Protein backbone atom coordinates (compact mmCIF):
# COMPACT_ATOMS: atom_id res chain seq x y z
CA MET A 1 -0.63 49.85 64.50
CA ARG A 2 -1.12 46.62 66.38
CA CYS A 3 -0.12 43.24 65.01
CA GLU A 4 -1.07 40.13 66.97
CA TYR A 5 2.21 38.33 66.33
CA TRP A 6 4.71 41.19 66.68
CA GLY A 7 2.94 43.40 69.18
CA ASP A 8 3.52 47.12 68.86
CA ILE A 9 5.81 48.14 66.02
CA PRO A 10 8.19 50.75 67.43
CA SER A 11 9.04 53.74 65.28
CA ARG A 12 12.81 53.82 65.29
CA MET A 13 15.00 56.65 64.15
CA PRO A 14 17.47 55.57 61.44
CA THR A 15 21.13 55.44 62.39
CA CYS A 16 24.31 56.07 60.42
CA TYR A 17 25.84 52.90 58.95
CA ARG A 18 29.40 54.01 59.76
CA CYS A 19 29.24 55.75 63.15
CA GLY A 20 25.83 54.71 64.54
CA GLN A 21 24.61 58.24 65.27
CA PRO A 22 20.86 58.84 64.95
CA ILE A 23 19.97 60.57 61.67
CA THR A 24 17.29 63.23 61.43
CA THR A 25 15.07 63.58 58.38
CA ARG A 26 17.12 66.40 56.82
CA GLU A 27 20.50 64.74 57.31
CA ARG A 28 19.93 61.51 55.40
CA PHE A 29 22.55 60.81 52.77
CA ARG A 30 22.94 57.60 50.77
CA ARG A 31 26.48 56.61 49.88
CA LYS A 32 28.19 53.51 48.57
CA VAL A 33 30.10 52.02 51.50
CA LYS A 34 32.15 48.87 52.02
CA THR A 35 29.84 46.22 53.47
CA GLY A 36 32.05 43.16 53.49
CA GLU A 37 35.16 41.39 52.30
CA LEU A 38 35.84 37.79 51.36
CA LEU A 39 39.33 36.31 51.35
CA ARG A 40 39.77 33.08 49.41
CA ARG A 41 42.71 30.85 50.20
CA ARG A 42 44.26 27.93 48.40
CA PHE A 43 43.71 24.69 50.30
CA GLN A 44 47.22 23.26 50.07
CA THR A 45 49.30 26.40 50.58
CA SER A 46 46.82 28.50 52.58
CA LYS A 47 47.98 31.56 50.64
CA PRO A 48 45.35 34.10 49.63
CA SER A 49 44.24 33.55 46.05
CA ALA A 50 41.56 36.26 45.73
CA VAL A 51 40.02 39.07 47.71
CA THR A 52 36.45 40.15 46.99
CA THR A 53 35.18 43.41 48.43
CA ARG A 54 31.45 44.07 48.56
CA PHE A 55 29.90 47.53 48.46
CA GLY A 56 26.31 48.63 49.01
CA MET A 57 24.23 51.79 49.27
CA ARG A 58 23.69 52.67 52.92
CA MET A 59 22.30 55.64 54.84
CA VAL A 60 24.96 57.77 56.54
CA CYS A 61 25.00 61.01 58.52
CA ARG A 62 26.24 64.34 57.16
CA ASP A 63 29.74 64.06 58.67
CA CYS A 64 30.29 60.53 57.36
CA ALA A 65 28.94 61.56 53.93
CA HIS A 66 31.48 64.40 53.76
CA THR A 67 34.26 62.04 54.85
CA LEU A 68 33.27 59.44 52.24
CA ASP A 69 33.09 62.11 49.53
CA ALA A 70 36.56 63.40 50.46
CA GLU A 71 37.99 59.85 50.41
CA TRP A 72 36.44 59.23 46.98
CA ARG A 73 37.81 62.52 45.58
CA ARG A 74 41.27 61.66 46.92
CA HIS A 75 41.04 58.20 45.34
CA GLU A 76 40.04 59.70 41.96
CA LEU A 77 42.86 62.26 42.14
CA VAL A 78 45.43 59.52 42.74
CA GLN A 79 44.07 57.55 39.76
CA TYR A 80 44.29 60.60 37.47
CA VAL A 81 47.84 61.37 38.60
CA GLU A 82 48.87 57.76 37.94
CA LEU A 83 47.25 57.90 34.50
CA PHE A 84 49.02 61.14 33.56
CA ILE A 85 52.37 59.77 34.75
CA ALA A 86 51.87 56.61 32.67
CA ILE A 87 50.91 58.63 29.58
CA GLY A 88 53.90 60.95 30.12
CA LEU A 89 56.32 58.03 30.40
CA LEU A 90 54.83 56.44 27.29
CA LEU A 91 55.26 59.68 25.34
CA ILE A 92 58.87 60.01 26.52
CA VAL A 93 59.64 56.44 25.43
CA LEU A 94 57.96 56.94 22.03
CA LEU A 95 59.70 60.26 21.41
CA ALA A 96 63.08 58.79 22.42
CA ARG A 97 62.52 55.88 20.04
CA PHE A 98 61.60 58.04 17.05
CA PHE A 99 64.02 60.92 17.61
CA GLY A 100 66.80 59.27 19.57
């Protein structure tokens, strides 16, 4: 295809968002990855007041997709363990209050 303004449009192979490796047709995976972070500071004290993290769906290779999936599973596991510990402590406090 020839365009007068742009010249020839090259057909480029897509690359992984995380590692930059070329991705073949069968190895395309879309995952939610961290795309940016914004740190807001207070003017007078220059201390951070808020951190905003942005995520977006990007194309990644098979190895990066497996790594991202493993990181997400680990993150979910930690959240469930924290939840069960909090519920256990709450039950201990309630039982100690009623029966203690």
